[in-house]
Amino acid sequence: MMAKLSSIIILLLVLLQIFSSASVAVHNKDGRCSTTLTQGCRLNYCQRRCFLEKSGNGRCIGNIAGTTYFCVCFYDCP
């Protein structure tokens, strides 16, 4: 049981890594989009880069395990 659970967690972390590096914009119903800019996050750099690239608001978002942070940019969809 524990080995199966560990395998599932590892698979989820690998999938998170794959999808986070793809930098795909996600559209919401309210006209806001989000995209992952980088893995690893320094808040001031994330906010500045998001503002310059997308005129948006950058935030450091952690993974489920809390071991890695990603710079996620929230902005108005074009």
C-alpha atoms as a PDB file:
ATOM      1  CA  MET A   1       0.000   0.000   0.000  1.00  0.00           C
ATOM      2  CA  MET A   2       2.769   2.443   0.942  1.00  0.00           C
ATOM      3  CA  ALA A   3       4.796   1.621  -2.186  1.00  0.00           C
ATOM      4  CA  LYS A   4       1.737   2.234  -4.366  1.00  0.00           C
ATOM      5  CA  LEU A   5       1.100   5.576  -2.680  1.00  0.00           C
ATOM      6  CA  SER A   6       4.743   6.585  -3.126  1.00  0.00           C
ATOM      7  CA  SER A   7       4.583   5.679  -6.814  1.00  0.00           C
ATOM      8  CA  ILE A   8       1.491   7.824  -7.279  1.00  0.00           C
ATOM      9  CA  ILE A   9       3.120  10.793  -5.544  1.00  0.00           C
ATOM     10  CA  ILE A  10       6.255  10.479  -7.682  1.00  0.00           C
ATOM     11  CA  LEU A  11       4.125  10.276 -10.841  1.00  0.00           C
ATOM     12  CA  LEU A  12       2.187  13.397  -9.843  1.00  0.00           C
ATOM     13  CA  LEU A  13       5.398  15.315  -9.150  1.00  0.00           C
ATOM     14  CA  VAL A  14       6.835  14.302 -12.534  1.00  0.00           C
ATOM     15  CA  LEU A  15       3.638  15.393 -14.299  1.00  0.00           C
ATOM     16  CA  LEU A  16       3.678  18.696 -12.421  1.00  0.00           C
ATOM     17  CA  GLN A  17       7.260  19.275 -13.538  1.00  0.00           C
ATOM     18  CA  ILE A  18       6.407  18.524 -17.172  1.00  0.00           C
ATOM     19  CA  PHE A  19       3.358  20.770 -17.269  1.00  0.00           C
ATOM     20  CA  SER A  20       4.987  23.605 -15.331  1.00  0.00           C
ATOM     21  CA  SER A  21       7.855  23.887 -17.786  1.00  0.00           C
ATOM     22  CA  ALA A  22       5.486  24.107 -20.751  1.00  0.00           C
ATOM     23  CA  SER A  23       4.360  27.659 -19.845  1.00  0.00           C
ATOM     24  CA  VAL A  24       0.845  27.324 -21.217  1.00  0.00           C
ATOM     25  CA  ALA A  25      -1.612  30.145 -20.641  1.00  0.00           C
ATOM     26  CA  VAL A  26      -4.757  29.122 -18.765  1.00  0.00           C
ATOM     27  CA  HIS A  27      -7.909  31.117 -19.511  1.00  0.00           C
ATOM     28  CA  ASN A  28     -10.577  31.665 -16.858  1.00  0.00           C
ATOM     29  CA  LYS A  29     -14.230  32.606 -17.324  1.00  0.00           C
ATOM     30  CA  ASP A  30     -13.638  36.080 -15.895  1.00  0.00           C
ATOM     31  CA  GLY A  31     -11.129  37.041 -18.620  1.00  0.00           C
ATOM     32  CA  ARG A  32      -8.010  36.427 -16.531  1.00  0.00           C
ATOM     33  CA  CYS A  33      -5.154  34.224 -17.710  1.00  0.00           C
ATOM     34  CA  SER A  34      -2.229  32.651 -15.903  1.00  0.00           C
ATOM     35  CA  THR A  35       1.049  31.177 -17.030  1.00  0.00           C
ATOM     36  CA  THR A  36       4.077  29.729 -15.251  1.00  0.00           C
ATOM     37  CA  LEU A  37       7.174  31.797 -15.993  1.00  0.00           C
ATOM     38  CA  THR A  38       9.897  29.956 -14.057  1.00  0.00           C
ATOM     39  CA  GLN A  39      10.541  27.141 -11.630  1.00  0.00           C
ATOM     40  CA  GLY A  40      11.995  28.496  -8.436  1.00  0.00           C
ATOM     41  CA  CYS A  41      10.771  31.879  -7.327  1.00  0.00           C
ATOM     42  CA  ARG A  42      12.110  35.140  -5.948  1.00  0.00           C
ATOM     43  CA  LEU A  43       9.033  37.288  -5.393  1.00  0.00           C
ATOM     44  CA  ASN A  44      10.498  40.643  -6.481  1.00  0.00           C
ATOM     45  CA  TYR A  45      11.934  39.149  -9.702  1.00  0.00           C
ATOM     46  CA  CYS A  46       8.693  37.262 -10.415  1.00  0.00           C
ATOM     47  CA  GLN A  47       6.542  40.375  -9.953  1.00  0.00           C
ATOM     48  CA  ARG A  48       8.832  42.515 -12.124  1.00  0.00           C
ATOM     49  CA  ARG A  49       9.085  39.959 -14.940  1.00  0.00           C
ATOM     50  CA  CYS A  50       5.323  39.375 -14.985  1.00  0.00           C
ATOM     51  CA  PHE A  51       4.623  43.091 -15.093  1.00  0.00           C
ATOM     52  CA  LEU A  52       7.122  43.706 -17.910  1.00  0.00           C
ATOM     53  CA  GLU A  53       6.089  40.697 -20.031  1.00  0.00           C
ATOM     54  CA  LYS A  54       2.317  40.581 -19.461  1.00  0.00           C
ATOM     55  CA  SER A  55       1.387  43.745 -17.505  1.00  0.00           C
ATOM     56  CA  GLY A  56       0.238  41.324 -14.840  1.00  0.00           C
ATOM     57  CA  ASN A  57       0.735  40.301 -11.231  1.00  0.00           C
ATOM     58  CA  GLY A  58       3.393  37.658 -10.446  1.00  0.00           C
ATOM     59  CA  ARG A  59       3.048  35.338  -7.454  1.00  0.00           C
ATOM     60  CA  CYS A  60       5.166  32.534  -6.016  1.00  0.00           C
ATOM     61  CA  ILE A  61       3.023  29.397  -5.876  1.00  0.00           C
ATOM     62  CA  GLY A  62       4.230  26.215  -4.155  1.00  0.00           C
ATOM     63  CA  ASN A  63       3.663  22.642  -5.244  1.00  0.00           C
ATOM     64  CA  ILE A  64       1.514  20.312  -3.147  1.00  0.00           C
ATOM     65  CA  ALA A  65       4.488  19.012  -1.182  1.00  0.00           C
ATOM     66  CA  GLY A  66       5.736  22.566  -0.526  1.00  0.00           C
ATOM     67  CA  THR A  67       9.214  21.721  -1.797  1.00  0.00           C
ATOM     68  CA  THR A  68       9.330  23.852  -4.958  1.00  0.00           C
ATOM     69  CA  TYR A  69       7.921  27.249  -5.857  1.00  0.00           C
ATOM     70  CA  PHE A  70       6.952  28.508  -9.307  1.00  0.00           C
ATOM     71  CA  CYS A  71       6.576  32.052 -10.604  1.00  0.00           C
ATOM     72  CA  VAL A  72       2.983  32.227 -11.845  1.00  0.00           C
ATOM     73  CA  CYS A  73       1.855  35.305 -13.751  1.00  0.00           C
ATOM     74  CA  PHE A  74      -1.814  36.376 -13.614  1.00  0.00           C
ATOM     75  CA  TYR A  75      -2.891  38.862 -16.299  1.00  0.00           C
ATOM     76  CA  ASP A  76      -5.819  40.007 -18.452  1.00  0.00           C
ATOM     77  CA  CYS A  77      -6.342  37.656 -21.405  1.00  0.00           C
ATOM     78  CA  PRO A  78      -5.621  39.266 -24.783  1.00  0.00           C
END
